[in-house]
C-alpha atoms as a PDB file:
ATOM      1  CA  MET A   1       0.014   0.006  -0.011  1.00  0.00           C
ATOM      2  CA  PRO A   2       1.541   3.340  -1.027  1.00  0.00           C
ATOM      3  CA  SER A   3       2.259   5.901   1.676  1.00  0.00           C
ATOM      4  CA  SER A   4       1.945   9.657   1.178  1.00  0.00           C
ATOM      5  CA  PHE A   5       4.021  12.466   2.537  1.00  0.00           C
ATOM      6  CA  CYS A   6       3.383  16.165   2.400  1.00  0.00           C
ATOM      7  CA  LYS A   7       6.456  18.177   1.457  1.00  0.00           C
ATOM      8  CA  ASN A   8       6.794  21.013   3.987  1.00  0.00           C
ATOM      9  CA  THR A   9       7.529  23.841   1.689  1.00  0.00           C
ATOM     10  CA  SER A  10       5.213  23.249  -1.270  1.00  0.00           C
ATOM     11  CA  ARG A  11       2.619  20.887   0.272  1.00  0.00           C
ATOM     12  CA  THR A  12       3.321  18.445  -2.570  1.00  0.00           C
ATOM     13  CA  ALA A  13       2.248  14.856  -1.858  1.00  0.00           C
ATOM     14  CA  VAL A  14       4.684  12.106  -2.762  1.00  0.00           C
ATOM     15  CA  ASN A  15       3.530   8.526  -2.990  1.00  0.00           C
ATOM     16  CA  PHE A  16       5.823   5.495  -2.676  1.00  0.00           C
ATOM     17  CA  ASN A  17       5.420   1.829  -1.957  1.00  0.00           C
ATOM     18  CA  SER A  18       6.648   1.486   1.687  1.00  0.00           C
ATOM     19  CA  PRO A  19       7.202  -2.311   1.645  1.00  0.00           C
ATOM     20  CA  ASN A  20      10.039  -1.709  -0.840  1.00  0.00           C
ATOM     21  CA  ILE A  21      11.819   0.684   1.572  1.00  0.00           C
ATOM     22  CA  PHE A  22      14.475  -1.065   3.669  1.00  0.00           C
ATOM     23  CA  SER A  23      15.587   1.849   5.759  1.00  0.00           C
ATOM     24  CA  LEU A  24      15.802   5.605   6.006  1.00  0.00           C
ATOM     25  CA  SER A  25      18.975   7.440   6.842  1.00  0.00           C
ATOM     26  CA  ILE A  26      18.211  10.837   8.336  1.00  0.00           C
ATOM     27  CA  THR A  27      20.777  13.510   7.699  1.00  0.00           C
ATOM     28  CA  ASN A  28      20.746  17.217   8.308  1.00  0.00           C
ATOM     29  CA  PRO A  29      19.207  19.319   6.937  1.00  0.00           C
ATOM     30  CA  PHE A  30      17.314  16.828   4.765  1.00  0.00           C
ATOM     31  CA  ASP A  31      16.285  13.203   4.956  1.00  0.00           C
ATOM     32  CA  ASN A  32      17.720  10.628   2.555  1.00  0.00           C
ATOM     33  CA  LEU A  33      15.421   7.840   1.518  1.00  0.00           C
ATOM     34  CA  ILE A  34      17.616   4.799   0.828  1.00  0.00           C
ATOM     35  CA  ASN A  35      16.006   3.171  -2.189  1.00  0.00           C
ATOM     36  CA  SER A  36      17.817   5.101  -4.908  1.00  0.00           C
ATOM     37  CA  SER A  37      15.478   8.122  -4.537  1.00  0.00           C
ATOM     38  CA  LEU A  38      16.298  11.340  -2.747  1.00  0.00           C
ATOM     39  CA  LEU A  39      13.309  13.103  -1.186  1.00  0.00           C
ATOM     40  CA  TYR A  40      13.373  16.042   1.240  1.00  0.00           C
ATOM     41  CA  PHE A  41      11.217  15.899   4.388  1.00  0.00           C
ATOM     42  CA  SER A  42      11.711  16.548   8.039  1.00  0.00           C
ATOM     43  CA  SER A  43      12.434  13.367   9.975  1.00  0.00           C
ATOM     44  CA  SER A  44       9.473  14.014  12.310  1.00  0.00           C
ATOM     45  CA  ARG A  45       7.134  14.151   9.331  1.00  0.00           C
ATOM     46  CA  ILE A  46       8.425  10.909   7.961  1.00  0.00           C
ATOM     47  CA  ILE A  47       8.146   8.814  11.119  1.00  0.00           C
ATOM     48  CA  GLU A  48       4.633  10.170  11.794  1.00  0.00           C
ATOM     49  CA  HIS A  49       3.364   8.935   8.447  1.00  0.00           C
ATOM     50  CA  LEU A  50       5.126   5.549   8.131  1.00  0.00           C
ATOM     51  CA  PRO A  51       3.235   2.323   8.727  1.00  0.00           C
ATOM     52  CA  GLY A  52       3.760   0.412  12.001  1.00  0.00           C
ATOM     53  CA  GLU A  53       6.457  -1.785  10.403  1.00  0.00           C
ATOM     54  CA  PHE A  54       8.932   1.070  10.713  1.00  0.00           C
ATOM     55  CA  ILE A  55      10.940   1.692  13.871  1.00  0.00           C
ATOM     56  CA  ARG A  56      13.504   4.299  14.789  1.00  0.00           C
ATOM     57  CA  THR A  57      16.795   2.662  15.751  1.00  0.00           C
ATOM     58  CA  HIS A  58      18.894   5.744  16.152  1.00  0.00           C
ATOM     59  CA  ARG A  59      18.307   9.507  15.777  1.00  0.00           C
ATOM     60  CA  SER A  60      19.629   9.046  12.245  1.00  0.00           C
ATOM     61  CA  TYR A  61      17.968   5.726  11.215  1.00  0.00           C
ATOM     62  CA  ILE A  62      14.524   4.308  10.648  1.00  0.00           C
ATOM     63  CA  VAL A  63      14.213   0.624   9.669  1.00  0.00           C
ATOM     64  CA  ASN A  64      11.421  -1.356   8.029  1.00  0.00           C
ATOM     65  CA  MET A  65      11.018  -4.390  10.321  1.00  0.00           C
ATOM     66  CA  THR A  66       9.838  -6.603   7.423  1.00  0.00           C
ATOM     67  CA  HIS A  67      13.452  -6.549   6.175  1.00  0.00           C
ATOM     68  CA  ILE A  68      15.254  -7.325   9.459  1.00  0.00           C
ATOM     69  CA  TYR A  69      17.456 -10.401   9.137  1.00  0.00           C
ATOM     70  CA  ARG A  70      19.395 -10.237  12.446  1.00  0.00           C
ATOM     71  CA  ILE A  71      19.558  -8.031  15.547  1.00  0.00           C
ATOM     72  CA  THR A  72      22.663  -7.783  17.744  1.00  0.00           C
ATOM     73  CA  SER A  73      23.223  -5.644  20.807  1.00  0.00           C
ATOM     74  CA  SER A  74      24.224  -2.668  18.653  1.00  0.00           C
ATOM     75  CA  THR A  75      23.182  -3.297  15.059  1.00  0.00           C
ATOM     76  CA  ILE A  76      20.460  -4.570  12.794  1.00  0.00           C
ATOM     77  CA  GLU A  77      21.310  -6.487   9.667  1.00  0.00           C
ATOM     78  CA  LEU A  78      18.759  -6.119   6.881  1.00  0.00           C
ATOM     79  CA  SER A  79      17.960  -8.743   4.270  1.00  0.00           C
ATOM     80  CA  ASN A  80      19.890  -6.646   1.684  1.00  0.00           C
ATOM     81  CA  HIS A  81      23.011  -7.008   3.967  1.00  0.00           C
ATOM     82  CA  LEU A  82      22.939  -3.352   5.047  1.00  0.00           C
ATOM     83  CA  THR A  83      23.922  -2.909   8.695  1.00  0.00           C
ATOM     84  CA  ILE A  84      22.143  -0.202  10.683  1.00  0.00           C
ATOM     85  CA  GLN A  85      23.221   1.075  14.106  1.00  0.00           C
ATOM     86  CA  ILE A  86      20.978   0.766  17.138  1.00  0.00           C
ATOM     87  CA  ALA A  87      21.526   3.509  19.722  1.00  0.00           C
ATOM     88  CA  ARG A  88      21.590   2.347  23.322  1.00  0.00           C
ATOM     89  CA  SER A  89      18.644   4.598  24.071  1.00  0.00           C
ATOM     90  CA  TYR A  90      16.538   2.945  21.339  1.00  0.00           C
ATOM     91  CA  TYR A  91      17.589  -0.726  21.919  1.00  0.00           C
ATOM     92  CA  LYS A  92      14.777  -1.639  24.319  1.00  0.00           C
ATOM     93  CA  ASP A  93      12.148  -0.071  22.080  1.00  0.00           C
ATOM     94  CA  VAL A  94      13.565  -1.827  19.017  1.00  0.00           C
ATOM     95  CA  ILE A  95      13.530  -5.255  20.752  1.00  0.00           C
ATOM     96  CA  ASN A  96      10.008  -4.730  22.076  1.00  0.00           C
ATOM     97  CA  ALA A  97       8.680  -3.477  18.723  1.00  0.00           C
ATOM     98  CA  PHE A  98      10.271  -6.352  16.793  1.00  0.00           C
ATOM     99  CA  ALA A  99       8.968  -8.910  19.297  1.00  0.00           C
ATOM    100  CA  LYS A 100       5.466  -7.510  18.914  1.00  0.00           C
ATOM    101  CA  TYR A 101       5.853  -7.379  15.130  1.00  0.00           C
ATOM    102  CA  THR A 102       7.015 -11.040  14.925  1.00  0.00           C
ATOM    103  CA  ARG A 103       4.166 -12.261  17.163  1.00  0.00           C
ATOM    104  CA  ARG A 104       1.802 -11.472  14.310  1.00  0.00           C
ATOM    105  CA  PHE A 105       3.275 -14.420  12.451  1.00  0.00           C
ATOM    106  CA  ASP A 106       3.254 -16.930  15.324  1.00  0.00           C
ATOM    107  CA  ILE A 107       0.546 -19.465  14.449  1.00  0.00           C
ATOM    108  CA  THR A 108       0.971 -21.397  17.704  1.00  0.00           C
ATOM    109  CA  GLY A 109      -0.045 -18.541  19.910  1.00  0.00           C
ATOM    110  CA  GLU A 110       3.225 -18.755  21.839  1.00  0.00           C
ATOM    111  CA  PHE A 111       6.317 -16.639  21.545  1.00  0.00           C
END
């Protein structure tokens, strides 16, 4: 399902297919969408409008949990082999969000 964002300066809506987004790298003063497209939005606008599969792992990174391959104590490895940092302050939230996300696929009812 495509997601829409409203560009701050011109109020232009941009649609993209969020399942195809692996991660977002947030840099100042603009945000860099890592899927070979460069779009300019504030990071707070992006995270507000992303589906629940996206989690902030660092003040500079947002990850699509559907593409997580492995989580360590300080990084996330994505299915495309990209490694994303997890800030200590976000680690607990990342683990809890990923556990909740993966429970959706547990057909036994146990986790």
